[in-house]
Structure formats: structure tokens, C-alpha cells
Amino acid sequence: MIKEKLLNWLDTFLVVDVFLVIIGFVWFALAVIGRYSGVALGLDIWHKLWQPVFTPAIGILMADAIISGIAKQIAKR
């Protein structure tokens, strides 16, 4: 029961993390387009959030992919 709750919480966290990474990418793309168009869309704020927010989110996403792949290979054996 606790294991199922933990896995459910972890899955929810990873879904939120995926959406955070996607939203960060969309924000970056729009901000770059806005910068070259002369419209301020928050590129400077995005740069300030890169290290403390988006880098760890991408790292967690990569770690999950690697750990998930390893776990599936172990489960096959």
C-alpha cells in the first residue's frame, strides 16, 4: 500500500516535471522570437530561472529515463 502510494506520487511528480520542461521550452522559444521582434516576453526572467528551475527539471527527467530503462532491462531478465 505504501509502495503504491509512493509510486503514484512519483508518477505525478514526473508528469508535472515533464510539463514544466515543455512550458519552459515554449516560453524560451516565444521569448527569443519576441526579442528579435522587439517585444519583451520575459527572456531575461527565463535566463534567471534557467539554473535554479529548468536545469534541475531537465536533469530529473533524464535521470528518470535512464533509471526507467535500466529497471525495464533488469525486469526482462
C-alpha atoms as a PDB file:
ATOM      1  CA  MET A   1       0.000   0.000   0.000  1.00  0.00           C
ATOM      2  CA  ILE A   2       2.756   2.459   0.883  1.00  0.00           C
ATOM      3  CA  LYS A   3       4.707   1.338  -2.176  1.00  0.00           C
ATOM      4  CA  GLU A   4       1.716   2.040  -4.426  1.00  0.00           C
ATOM      5  CA  LYS A   5       1.212   5.481  -2.844  1.00  0.00           C
ATOM      6  CA  LEU A   6       4.891   6.293  -3.292  1.00  0.00           C
ATOM      7  CA  LEU A   7       4.861   5.189  -6.925  1.00  0.00           C
ATOM      8  CA  ASN A   8       1.667   7.153  -7.554  1.00  0.00           C
ATOM      9  CA  TRP A   9       3.223  10.275  -6.013  1.00  0.00           C
ATOM     10  CA  LEU A  10       6.405   9.755  -8.044  1.00  0.00           C
ATOM     11  CA  ASP A  11       4.437   9.372 -11.281  1.00  0.00           C
ATOM     12  CA  THR A  12       2.511  12.573 -10.538  1.00  0.00           C
ATOM     13  CA  PHE A  13       5.761  14.414  -9.802  1.00  0.00           C
ATOM     14  CA  LEU A  14       7.297  13.230 -13.070  1.00  0.00           C
ATOM     15  CA  VAL A  15       4.238  14.296 -15.088  1.00  0.00           C
ATOM     16  CA  VAL A  16       4.449  17.765 -13.520  1.00  0.00           C
ATOM     17  CA  ASP A  17       8.183  17.802 -14.296  1.00  0.00           C
ATOM     18  CA  VAL A  18       7.560  16.955 -17.964  1.00  0.00           C
ATOM     19  CA  PHE A  19       5.047  19.780 -18.253  1.00  0.00           C
ATOM     20  CA  LEU A  20       7.468  22.174 -16.547  1.00  0.00           C
ATOM     21  CA  VAL A  21      10.150  21.326 -19.111  1.00  0.00           C
ATOM     22  CA  ILE A  22       7.690  21.719 -22.010  1.00  0.00           C
ATOM     23  CA  ILE A  23       6.393  25.033 -20.671  1.00  0.00           C
ATOM     24  CA  GLY A  24       9.971  26.231 -20.188  1.00  0.00           C
ATOM     25  CA  PHE A  25      10.830  25.353 -23.772  1.00  0.00           C
ATOM     26  CA  VAL A  26       7.750  27.083 -25.176  1.00  0.00           C
ATOM     27  CA  TRP A  27       8.452  30.156 -23.040  1.00  0.00           C
ATOM     28  CA  PHE A  28      12.060  30.233 -24.265  1.00  0.00           C
ATOM     29  CA  ALA A  29      11.037  29.896 -27.917  1.00  0.00           C
ATOM     30  CA  LEU A  30       8.426  32.643 -27.651  1.00  0.00           C
ATOM     31  CA  ALA A  31      10.789  34.913 -25.705  1.00  0.00           C
ATOM     32  CA  VAL A  32      13.521  34.539 -28.338  1.00  0.00           C
ATOM     33  CA  ILE A  33      11.052  35.299 -31.126  1.00  0.00           C
ATOM     34  CA  GLY A  34       9.797  38.265 -29.102  1.00  0.00           C
ATOM     35  CA  ARG A  35      13.335  39.556 -28.527  1.00  0.00           C
ATOM     36  CA  TYR A  36      14.022  39.639 -32.261  1.00  0.00           C
ATOM     37  CA  SER A  37      10.602  41.188 -32.921  1.00  0.00           C
ATOM     38  CA  GLY A  38      11.149  43.920 -30.351  1.00  0.00           C
ATOM     39  CA  VAL A  39       8.503  42.614 -27.927  1.00  0.00           C
ATOM     40  CA  ALA A  40       9.538  41.894 -24.327  1.00  0.00           C
ATOM     41  CA  LEU A  41       8.286  38.396 -23.468  1.00  0.00           C
ATOM     42  CA  GLY A  42      10.496  37.666 -20.475  1.00  0.00           C
ATOM     43  CA  LEU A  43      13.731  36.299 -21.905  1.00  0.00           C
ATOM     44  CA  ASP A  44      15.728  37.935 -19.102  1.00  0.00           C
ATOM     45  CA  ILE A  45      13.494  36.329 -16.473  1.00  0.00           C
ATOM     46  CA  TRP A  46      13.815  32.984 -18.247  1.00  0.00           C
ATOM     47  CA  HIS A  47      17.612  33.292 -18.117  1.00  0.00           C
ATOM     48  CA  LYS A  48      17.437  33.968 -14.366  1.00  0.00           C
ATOM     49  CA  LEU A  49      15.300  30.843 -13.885  1.00  0.00           C
ATOM     50  CA  TRP A  50      17.472  28.585 -16.075  1.00  0.00           C
ATOM     51  CA  GLN A  51      19.900  27.454 -13.353  1.00  0.00           C
ATOM     52  CA  PRO A  52      17.594  27.119 -10.342  1.00  0.00           C
ATOM     53  CA  VAL A  53      14.469  25.762 -12.107  1.00  0.00           C
ATOM     54  CA  PHE A  54      14.889  24.403 -15.622  1.00  0.00           C
ATOM     55  CA  THR A  55      18.305  22.716 -15.329  1.00  0.00           C
ATOM     56  CA  PRO A  56      17.239  20.507 -12.381  1.00  0.00           C
ATOM     57  CA  ALA A  57      13.904  19.741 -14.071  1.00  0.00           C
ATOM     58  CA  ILE A  58      15.702  18.521 -17.200  1.00  0.00           C
ATOM     59  CA  GLY A  59      18.159  16.545 -15.055  1.00  0.00           C
ATOM     60  CA  ILE A  60      15.330  14.818 -13.193  1.00  0.00           C
ATOM     61  CA  LEU A  61      13.676  13.973 -16.489  1.00  0.00           C
ATOM     62  CA  MET A  62      16.908  12.483 -17.868  1.00  0.00           C
ATOM     63  CA  ALA A  63      17.583  10.534 -14.673  1.00  0.00           C
ATOM     64  CA  ASP A  64      14.070   9.104 -14.772  1.00  0.00           C
ATOM     65  CA  ALA A  65      14.525   7.981 -18.370  1.00  0.00           C
ATOM     66  CA  ILE A  66      17.824   6.273 -17.555  1.00  0.00           C
ATOM     67  CA  ILE A  67      16.575   4.633 -14.355  1.00  0.00           C
ATOM     68  CA  SER A  68      13.365   3.514 -16.055  1.00  0.00           C
ATOM     69  CA  GLY A  69      15.330   1.975 -18.917  1.00  0.00           C
ATOM     70  CA  ILE A  70      17.657   0.137 -16.552  1.00  0.00           C
ATOM     71  CA  ALA A  71      14.733  -1.120 -14.459  1.00  0.00           C
ATOM     72  CA  LYS A  72      12.981  -2.466 -17.562  1.00  0.00           C
ATOM     73  CA  GLN A  73      16.149  -4.268 -18.677  1.00  0.00           C
ATOM     74  CA  ILE A  74      16.519  -5.826 -15.244  1.00  0.00           C
ATOM     75  CA  ALA A  75      12.851  -6.847 -15.226  1.00  0.00           C
ATOM     76  CA  LYS A  76      13.293  -8.628 -18.580  1.00  0.00           C
ATOM     77  CA  ARG A  77      15.977 -10.887 -17.113  1.00  0.00           C
END
